[in-house]
Amino acid sequence: MTEPVDPDVDLADARRRREPRRTRYGVLAVIAAGGAIGTGARYGAALLWPTAAGSFPWTTLGVNASGCLVIGIFMVILTEVWTAPAWVRPFFATGVLGGFTTFSTYCVDVERLVIGGRAGLALAYLVATPAAALAAVAAGAWAARRLPAIKATRRMR
């Protein structure tokens, strides 16, 4: 089994095929820092908009959809507009947005609804979350590509 390959590393360059240990630890550090920010923001959303037991988990759905919307925008900017430093994508996409979105809580919410006798609501939520997440990523990417500044930058490339 081989290790995953970082798409930011040019494998044709022999010196970059093997990243130094300190670089990997640096990436882990920026992911952890971003994750702390993202989970703090998610926790704040849960405090601002708590979900009553047995009711539809709107906050978790909203957090997941909004995080996916931002990732759609961010990835267009990162891949089509801006050549970012190597730490930006792990920090923001994996760390902040990975910590902010919460598909594990989504699974727990589905289970709680089923156990609470709300199977129909659980099924609706089970379908709505991935549908909203995918639609949000697509909408974010679509919207980002239509921003005048991004359109101009993409034409210059």
N, C-alpha and C. Protein backbone atom coordinates (compact mmCIF):
# COMPACT_ATOMS: atom_id res chain seq x y z
N MET A 1 0.85 -1.17 0.00
CA MET A 1 0.00 0.00 0.00
C MET A 1 0.90 1.24 0.00
N THR A 2 0.59 2.21 -0.84
CA THR A 2 1.38 3.42 -0.90
C THR A 2 0.70 4.54 -0.12
N GLU A 3 1.51 5.52 0.27
CA GLU A 3 0.96 6.67 0.98
C GLU A 3 0.22 7.56 0.00
N PRO A 4 -0.78 8.31 0.49
CA PRO A 4 -1.48 9.23 -0.41
C PRO A 4 -0.51 10.31 -0.90
N VAL A 5 -0.80 10.83 -2.07
CA VAL A 5 0.06 11.83 -2.69
C VAL A 5 -0.59 13.20 -2.56
N ASP A 6 0.18 14.17 -2.09
CA ASP A 6 -0.29 15.55 -1.99
C ASP A 6 -0.27 16.15 -3.39
N PRO A 7 -1.41 16.64 -3.89
CA PRO A 7 -1.43 17.19 -5.25
C PRO A 7 -0.58 18.46 -5.39
N ASP A 8 -0.19 19.08 -4.28
CA ASP A 8 0.65 20.27 -4.33
C ASP A 8 2.12 19.93 -4.53
N VAL A 9 2.47 18.65 -4.49
CA VAL A 9 3.86 18.23 -4.61
C VAL A 9 4.12 17.76 -6.04
N ASP A 10 5.11 18.33 -6.68
CA ASP A 10 5.50 17.94 -8.03
C ASP A 10 6.37 16.69 -7.93
N LEU A 11 5.82 15.55 -8.30
CA LEU A 11 6.56 14.29 -8.16
C LEU A 11 7.69 14.16 -9.17
N ALA A 12 7.70 15.01 -10.20
CA ALA A 12 8.80 14.98 -11.15
C ALA A 12 10.08 15.54 -10.52
N ASP A 13 9.92 16.37 -9.49
CA ASP A 13 11.05 16.94 -8.78
C ASP A 13 11.47 15.95 -7.69
N ALA A 14 12.60 15.31 -7.87
CA ALA A 14 13.06 14.25 -6.96
C ALA A 14 13.18 14.75 -5.52
N ARG A 15 13.57 16.02 -5.35
CA ARG A 15 13.73 16.55 -3.99
C ARG A 15 12.41 16.66 -3.26
N ARG A 16 11.30 16.79 -3.97
CA ARG A 16 10.01 17.00 -3.32
C ARG A 16 9.21 15.73 -3.17
N ARG A 17 9.70 14.61 -3.68
CA ARG A 17 8.96 13.35 -3.57
C ARG A 17 8.78 12.93 -2.12
N ARG A 18 9.75 13.21 -1.33
CA ARG A 18 9.71 12.82 0.08
C ARG A 18 9.72 14.09 0.92
N GLU A 19 8.59 14.42 1.51
CA GLU A 19 8.51 15.62 2.33
C GLU A 19 9.24 15.42 3.64
N PRO A 20 9.95 16.43 4.11
CA PRO A 20 10.59 16.29 5.42
C PRO A 20 9.55 16.16 6.52
N ARG A 21 9.94 15.50 7.58
CA ARG A 21 9.04 15.25 8.71
C ARG A 21 8.46 16.55 9.27
N ARG A 22 9.27 17.58 9.37
CA ARG A 22 8.80 18.83 9.95
C ARG A 22 7.67 19.44 9.12
N THR A 23 7.69 19.24 7.81
CA THR A 23 6.63 19.75 6.96
C THR A 23 5.32 19.04 7.26
N ARG A 24 5.38 17.71 7.42
CA ARG A 24 4.16 16.97 7.74
C ARG A 24 3.60 17.41 9.08
N TYR A 25 4.47 17.62 10.07
CA TYR A 25 4.00 18.08 11.38
C TYR A 25 3.44 19.49 11.29
N GLY A 26 4.02 20.30 10.43
CA GLY A 26 3.49 21.65 10.22
C GLY A 26 2.09 21.61 9.63
N VAL A 27 1.88 20.71 8.69
CA VAL A 27 0.55 20.56 8.09
C VAL A 27 -0.45 20.10 9.16
N LEU A 28 -0.04 19.16 9.98
CA LEU A 28 -0.92 18.70 11.06
C LEU A 28 -1.24 19.84 12.03
N ALA A 29 -0.26 20.68 12.28
CA ALA A 29 -0.48 21.81 13.19
C ALA A 29 -1.49 22.80 12.61
N VAL A 30 -1.39 23.12 11.31
CA VAL A 30 -2.34 24.07 10.74
C VAL A 30 -3.73 23.45 10.63
N ILE A 31 -3.81 22.15 10.39
CA ILE A 31 -5.12 21.49 10.39
C ILE A 31 -5.73 21.54 11.79
N ALA A 32 -4.93 21.27 12.80
CA ALA A 32 -5.44 21.30 14.18
C ALA A 32 -5.90 22.71 14.56
N ALA A 33 -5.12 23.71 14.19
CA ALA A 33 -5.51 25.09 14.49
C ALA A 33 -6.82 25.45 13.78
N GLY A 34 -6.92 25.09 12.52
CA GLY A 34 -8.15 25.35 11.78
C GLY A 34 -9.33 24.58 12.35
N GLY A 35 -9.07 23.33 12.75
CA GLY A 35 -10.13 22.52 13.34
C GLY A 35 -10.66 23.12 14.64
N ALA A 36 -9.77 23.69 15.43
CA ALA A 36 -10.20 24.34 16.68
C ALA A 36 -11.12 25.52 16.37
N ILE A 37 -10.79 26.27 15.36
CA ILE A 37 -11.63 27.41 14.97
C ILE A 37 -12.98 26.92 14.45
N GLY A 38 -12.95 25.93 13.57
CA GLY A 38 -14.19 25.41 12.99
C GLY A 38 -15.12 24.79 14.01
N THR A 39 -14.57 23.98 14.92
CA THR A 39 -15.43 23.35 15.93
C THR A 39 -15.97 24.38 16.91
N GLY A 40 -15.16 25.42 17.19
CA GLY A 40 -15.66 26.49 18.05
C GLY A 40 -16.83 27.21 17.42
N ALA A 41 -16.75 27.46 16.11
CA ALA A 41 -17.85 28.10 15.40
C ALA A 41 -19.10 27.21 15.38
N ARG A 42 -18.89 25.91 15.18
CA ARG A 42 -20.04 24.99 15.18
C ARG A 42 -20.69 24.96 16.56
N TYR A 43 -19.88 24.91 17.59
CA TYR A 43 -20.39 24.90 18.96
C TYR A 43 -21.20 26.18 19.22
N GLY A 44 -20.68 27.30 18.74
CA GLY A 44 -21.40 28.56 18.88
C GLY A 44 -22.76 28.53 18.19
N ALA A 45 -22.81 27.94 17.00
CA ALA A 45 -24.08 27.82 16.28
C ALA A 45 -25.06 26.96 17.07
N ALA A 46 -24.56 25.88 17.67
CA ALA A 46 -25.44 25.00 18.46
C ALA A 46 -25.96 25.72 19.71
N LEU A 47 -25.16 26.61 20.28
CA LEU A 47 -25.63 27.38 21.43
C LEU A 47 -26.65 28.44 21.02
N LEU A 48 -26.42 29.07 19.87
CA LEU A 48 -27.34 30.10 19.39
C LEU A 48 -28.68 29.53 18.94
N TRP A 49 -28.63 28.38 18.29
CA TRP A 49 -29.84 27.77 17.74
C TRP A 49 -29.95 26.31 18.19
N PRO A 50 -30.28 26.08 19.46
CA PRO A 50 -30.36 24.69 19.94
C PRO A 50 -31.54 23.95 19.30
N THR A 51 -31.35 22.64 19.17
CA THR A 51 -32.39 21.79 18.59
C THR A 51 -33.09 21.05 19.73
N ALA A 52 -34.40 21.19 19.81
CA ALA A 52 -35.17 20.49 20.84
C ALA A 52 -35.19 19.00 20.53
N ALA A 53 -35.22 18.19 21.56
CA ALA A 53 -35.25 16.73 21.40
C ALA A 53 -36.45 16.32 20.54
N GLY A 54 -36.18 15.47 19.56
CA GLY A 54 -37.24 14.95 18.71
C GLY A 54 -37.65 15.86 17.56
N SER A 55 -37.03 17.03 17.47
CA SER A 55 -37.39 17.94 16.37
C SER A 55 -36.35 17.88 15.26
N PHE A 56 -36.69 18.46 14.14
CA PHE A 56 -35.79 18.44 12.99
C PHE A 56 -34.53 19.23 13.34
N PRO A 57 -33.35 18.66 13.12
CA PRO A 57 -32.08 19.33 13.48
C PRO A 57 -31.66 20.39 12.45
N TRP A 58 -32.37 21.49 12.44
CA TRP A 58 -32.10 22.55 11.47
C TRP A 58 -30.70 23.13 11.60
N THR A 59 -30.23 23.25 12.83
CA THR A 59 -28.90 23.85 13.02
C THR A 59 -27.82 23.00 12.37
N THR A 60 -27.85 21.71 12.59
CA THR A 60 -26.84 20.83 11.99
C THR A 60 -26.96 20.85 10.47
N LEU A 61 -28.17 20.83 9.95
CA LEU A 61 -28.36 20.92 8.51
C LEU A 61 -27.81 22.24 7.97
N GLY A 62 -28.10 23.32 8.67
CA GLY A 62 -27.61 24.63 8.24
C GLY A 62 -26.10 24.75 8.30
N VAL A 63 -25.50 24.21 9.34
CA VAL A 63 -24.04 24.22 9.48
C VAL A 63 -23.41 23.42 8.33
N ASN A 64 -23.93 22.23 8.08
CA ASN A 64 -23.35 21.41 7.01
C ASN A 64 -23.53 22.05 5.64
N ALA A 65 -24.70 22.59 5.38
CA ALA A 65 -24.94 23.21 4.08
C ALA A 65 -24.11 24.48 3.91
N SER A 66 -24.02 25.30 4.93
CA SER A 66 -23.24 26.54 4.80
C SER A 66 -21.75 26.24 4.68
N GLY A 67 -21.26 25.23 5.40
CA GLY A 67 -19.86 24.83 5.26
C GLY A 67 -19.57 24.33 3.85
N CYS A 68 -20.49 23.59 3.29
CA CYS A 68 -20.32 23.09 1.92
C CYS A 68 -20.40 24.22 0.90
N LEU A 69 -21.24 25.21 1.14
CA LEU A 69 -21.31 26.38 0.27
C LEU A 69 -19.96 27.09 0.25
N VAL A 70 -19.40 27.30 1.43
CA VAL A 70 -18.10 27.97 1.53
C VAL A 70 -17.01 27.15 0.85
N ILE A 71 -17.02 25.84 1.01
CA ILE A 71 -15.98 25.02 0.36
C ILE A 71 -16.11 25.10 -1.15
N GLY A 72 -17.32 25.20 -1.68
CA GLY A 72 -17.49 25.36 -3.12
C GLY A 72 -16.88 26.66 -3.61
N ILE A 73 -17.10 27.73 -2.89
CA ILE A 73 -16.53 29.03 -3.24
C ILE A 73 -15.01 28.98 -3.10
N PHE A 74 -14.55 28.48 -1.96
CA PHE A 74 -13.12 28.45 -1.65
C PHE A 74 -12.32 27.64 -2.67
N MET A 75 -12.83 26.49 -3.04
CA MET A 75 -12.06 25.64 -3.97
C MET A 75 -11.96 26.27 -5.36
N VAL A 76 -12.98 27.00 -5.79
CA VAL A 76 -12.87 27.71 -7.07
C VAL A 76 -11.79 28.78 -6.96
N ILE A 77 -11.83 29.53 -5.89
CA ILE A 77 -10.82 30.58 -5.71
C ILE A 77 -9.42 29.96 -5.63
N LEU A 78 -9.30 28.88 -4.90
CA LEU A 78 -7.99 28.27 -4.68
C LEU A 78 -7.45 27.58 -5.93
N THR A 79 -8.31 26.97 -6.72
CA THR A 79 -7.82 26.22 -7.88
C THR A 79 -7.85 27.02 -9.18
N GLU A 80 -8.67 28.05 -9.26
CA GLU A 80 -8.82 28.76 -10.53
C GLU A 80 -8.38 30.22 -10.50
N VAL A 81 -8.15 30.77 -9.31
CA VAL A 81 -7.85 32.19 -9.21
C VAL A 81 -6.53 32.46 -8.51
N TRP A 82 -6.35 31.90 -7.36
CA TRP A 82 -5.25 32.28 -6.48
C TRP A 82 -4.32 31.10 -6.27
N THR A 83 -3.04 31.33 -6.41
CA THR A 83 -2.05 30.31 -6.07
C THR A 83 -1.68 30.56 -4.61
N ALA A 84 -2.27 29.80 -3.73
CA ALA A 84 -2.12 30.00 -2.29
C ALA A 84 -0.90 29.26 -1.76
N PRO A 85 -0.39 29.73 -0.62
CA PRO A 85 0.67 28.97 0.05
C PRO A 85 0.16 27.56 0.39
N ALA A 86 1.08 26.63 0.51
CA ALA A 86 0.72 25.22 0.70
C ALA A 86 -0.09 24.96 1.95
N TRP A 87 0.00 25.80 2.97
CA TRP A 87 -0.70 25.56 4.23
C TRP A 87 -2.16 26.02 4.19
N VAL A 88 -2.56 26.83 3.20
CA VAL A 88 -3.91 27.43 3.19
C VAL A 88 -5.00 26.37 3.05
N ARG A 89 -4.86 25.48 2.08
CA ARG A 89 -5.91 24.47 1.88
C ARG A 89 -6.07 23.55 3.09
N PRO A 90 -4.98 22.99 3.66
CA PRO A 90 -5.17 22.16 4.85
C PRO A 90 -5.76 22.94 6.03
N PHE A 91 -5.32 24.19 6.20
CA PHE A 91 -5.84 24.98 7.31
C PHE A 91 -7.33 25.25 7.16
N PHE A 92 -7.71 25.80 6.00
CA PHE A 92 -9.08 26.26 5.84
C PHE A 92 -10.04 25.14 5.45
N ALA A 93 -9.69 24.36 4.42
CA ALA A 93 -10.62 23.33 3.94
C ALA A 93 -10.71 22.15 4.90
N THR A 94 -9.55 21.58 5.25
CA THR A 94 -9.57 20.41 6.14
C THR A 94 -9.81 20.81 7.58
N GLY A 95 -9.12 21.86 8.03
CA GLY A 95 -9.22 22.26 9.43
C GLY A 95 -10.50 23.00 9.75
N VAL A 96 -10.60 24.25 9.29
CA VAL A 96 -11.75 25.09 9.65
C VAL A 96 -13.06 24.49 9.18
N LEU A 97 -13.17 24.20 7.87
CA LEU A 97 -14.45 23.69 7.36
C LEU A 97 -14.70 22.25 7.75
N GLY A 98 -13.63 21.45 7.88
CA GLY A 98 -13.79 20.08 8.37
C GLY A 98 -14.26 20.05 9.81
N GLY A 99 -13.77 21.01 10.62
CA GLY A 99 -14.22 21.11 12.01
C GLY A 99 -15.61 21.71 12.12
N PHE A 100 -15.93 22.62 11.22
CA PHE A 100 -17.24 23.28 11.26
C PHE A 100 -18.35 22.35 10.84
N THR A 101 -18.19 21.69 9.69
CA THR A 101 -19.23 20.76 9.25
C THR A 101 -19.20 19.53 10.14
N THR A 102 -20.32 18.87 10.27
CA THR A 102 -20.41 17.79 11.24
C THR A 102 -21.31 16.67 10.76
N PHE A 103 -20.75 15.85 9.91
CA PHE A 103 -21.55 14.74 9.40
C PHE A 103 -21.66 13.61 10.43
N SER A 104 -20.80 13.61 11.43
CA SER A 104 -20.96 12.62 12.50
C SER A 104 -22.19 12.98 13.35
N THR A 105 -22.38 14.27 13.62
CA THR A 105 -23.58 14.69 14.37
C THR A 105 -24.83 14.42 13.55
N TYR A 106 -24.72 14.57 12.25
CA TYR A 106 -25.84 14.25 11.35
C TYR A 106 -26.27 12.79 11.56
N CYS A 107 -25.30 11.89 11.64
CA CYS A 107 -25.62 10.47 11.85
C CYS A 107 -26.26 10.24 13.21
N VAL A 108 -25.74 10.91 14.22
CA VAL A 108 -26.30 10.78 15.57
C VAL A 108 -27.72 11.35 15.60
N ASP A 109 -27.93 12.47 14.91
CA ASP A 109 -29.27 13.05 14.85
C ASP A 109 -30.27 12.09 14.21
N VAL A 110 -29.87 11.43 13.13
CA VAL A 110 -30.74 10.45 12.47
C VAL A 110 -31.08 9.34 13.45
N GLU A 111 -30.07 8.82 14.13
CA GLU A 111 -30.29 7.74 15.10
C GLU A 111 -31.23 8.18 16.22
N ARG A 112 -31.04 9.37 16.75
CA ARG A 112 -31.91 9.88 17.83
C ARG A 112 -33.35 10.01 17.37
N LEU A 113 -33.54 10.48 16.13
CA LEU A 113 -34.91 10.60 15.62
C LEU A 113 -35.57 9.24 15.47
N VAL A 114 -34.82 8.26 14.98
CA VAL A 114 -35.37 6.91 14.83
C VAL A 114 -35.72 6.32 16.19
N ILE A 115 -34.79 6.42 17.14
CA ILE A 115 -35.03 5.89 18.49
C ILE A 115 -36.21 6.59 19.15
N GLY A 116 -36.37 7.89 18.84
CA GLY A 116 -37.47 8.66 19.41
C GLY A 116 -38.80 8.44 18.71
N GLY A 117 -38.86 7.49 17.77
CA GLY A 117 -40.11 7.18 17.09
C GLY A 117 -40.45 8.14 15.97
N ARG A 118 -39.47 8.87 15.47
CA ARG A 118 -39.70 9.84 14.40
C ARG A 118 -39.01 9.38 13.12
N ALA A 119 -39.32 8.15 12.69
CA ALA A 119 -38.65 7.55 11.54
C ALA A 119 -38.86 8.35 10.26
N GLY A 120 -40.03 8.88 10.05
CA GLY A 120 -40.30 9.67 8.85
C GLY A 120 -39.45 10.93 8.81
N LEU A 121 -39.35 11.59 9.95
CA LEU A 121 -38.52 12.78 10.06
C LEU A 121 -37.04 12.42 9.88
N ALA A 122 -36.65 11.28 10.45
CA ALA A 122 -35.27 10.81 10.30
C ALA A 122 -34.94 10.55 8.83
N LEU A 123 -35.87 9.94 8.12
CA LEU A 123 -35.65 9.66 6.69
C LEU A 123 -35.54 10.96 5.89
N ALA A 124 -36.41 11.92 6.20
CA ALA A 124 -36.36 13.21 5.51
C ALA A 124 -35.01 13.89 5.76
N TYR A 125 -34.54 13.85 6.99
CA TYR A 125 -33.27 14.46 7.35
C TYR A 125 -32.10 13.68 6.72
N LEU A 126 -32.23 12.36 6.68
CA LEU A 126 -31.20 11.51 6.08
C LEU A 126 -30.99 11.86 4.60
N VAL A 127 -32.06 12.18 3.91
CA VAL A 127 -32.00 12.54 2.50
C VAL A 127 -31.65 14.02 2.31
N ALA A 128 -32.21 14.88 3.15
CA ALA A 128 -32.04 16.33 2.98
C ALA A 128 -30.60 16.79 3.18
N THR A 129 -29.90 16.21 4.15
CA THR A 129 -28.55 16.70 4.44
C THR A 129 -27.58 16.49 3.29
N PRO A 130 -27.41 15.26 2.77
CA PRO A 130 -26.46 15.15 1.65
C PRO A 130 -26.94 15.89 0.40
N ALA A 131 -28.25 15.97 0.19
CA ALA A 131 -28.76 16.72 -0.96
C ALA A 131 -28.43 18.21 -0.81
N ALA A 132 -28.65 18.75 0.38
CA ALA A 132 -28.35 20.16 0.63
C ALA A 132 -26.85 20.41 0.54
N ALA A 133 -26.05 19.48 1.05
CA ALA A 133 -24.59 19.64 1.02
C ALA A 133 -24.08 19.66 -0.42
N LEU A 134 -24.52 18.72 -1.23
CA LEU A 134 -24.09 18.68 -2.63
C LEU A 134 -24.57 19.90 -3.41
N ALA A 135 -25.81 20.29 -3.18
CA ALA A 135 -26.35 21.48 -3.85
C ALA A 135 -25.59 22.73 -3.42
N ALA A 136 -25.21 22.80 -2.15
CA ALA A 136 -24.48 23.97 -1.65
C ALA A 136 -23.09 24.07 -2.26
N VAL A 137 -22.38 22.93 -2.37
CA VAL A 137 -21.05 22.95 -3.01
C VAL A 137 -21.19 23.42 -4.46
N ALA A 138 -22.15 22.86 -5.17
CA ALA A 138 -22.35 23.24 -6.57
C ALA A 138 -22.74 24.71 -6.69
N ALA A 139 -23.62 25.18 -5.82
CA ALA A 139 -24.04 26.58 -5.85
C ALA A 139 -22.88 27.51 -5.53
N GLY A 140 -22.06 27.13 -4.56
CA GLY A 140 -20.90 27.94 -4.21
C GLY A 140 -19.91 28.05 -5.35
N ALA A 141 -19.62 26.93 -6.00
CA ALA A 141 -18.70 26.94 -7.14
C ALA A 141 -19.29 27.74 -8.29
N TRP A 142 -20.57 27.54 -8.56
CA TRP A 142 -21.25 28.26 -9.64
C TRP A 142 -21.21 29.76 -9.37
N ALA A 143 -21.55 30.18 -8.15
CA ALA A 143 -21.58 31.59 -7.80
C ALA A 143 -20.18 32.20 -7.86
N ALA A 144 -19.19 31.48 -7.37
CA ALA A 144 -17.83 32.00 -7.37
C ALA A 144 -17.34 32.25 -8.79
N ARG A 145 -17.69 31.37 -9.69
CA ARG A 145 -17.25 31.53 -11.08
C ARG A 145 -17.94 32.70 -11.77
N ARG A 146 -18.99 33.20 -11.21
CA ARG A 146 -19.71 34.31 -11.82
C ARG A 146 -19.36 35.66 -11.21
N LEU A 147 -18.54 35.69 -10.17
CA LEU A 147 -18.11 36.96 -9.59
C LEU A 147 -17.21 37.68 -10.59
N PRO A 148 -17.41 38.97 -10.80
CA PRO A 148 -16.62 39.69 -11.81
C PRO A 148 -15.11 39.57 -11.60
N ALA A 149 -14.63 39.65 -10.38
CA ALA A 149 -13.18 39.58 -10.15
C ALA A 149 -12.63 38.21 -10.51
N ILE A 150 -13.38 37.17 -10.24
CA ILE A 150 -12.93 35.82 -10.56
C ILE A 150 -13.01 35.58 -12.06
N LYS A 151 -14.05 36.09 -12.70
CA LYS A 151 -14.15 35.94 -14.16
C LYS A 151 -12.94 36.59 -14.84
N ALA A 152 -12.57 37.78 -14.39
CA ALA A 152 -11.44 38.48 -14.99
C ALA A 152 -10.14 37.71 -14.77
N THR A 153 -9.94 37.20 -13.58
CA THR A 153 -8.72 36.44 -13.26
C THR A 153 -8.66 35.17 -14.08
N ARG A 154 -9.77 34.49 -14.24
CA ARG A 154 -9.79 33.24 -15.01
C ARG A 154 -9.47 33.50 -16.48
N ARG A 155 -9.93 34.64 -17.03
CA ARG A 155 -9.64 34.97 -18.43
C ARG A 155 -8.17 35.23 -18.64
N MET A 156 -7.48 35.78 -17.63
CA MET A 156 -6.06 36.11 -17.76
C MET A 156 -5.17 34.89 -17.71
N ARG A 157 -5.65 33.79 -17.19
CA ARG A 157 -4.82 32.57 -17.06
C ARG A 157 -4.63 31.90 -18.36
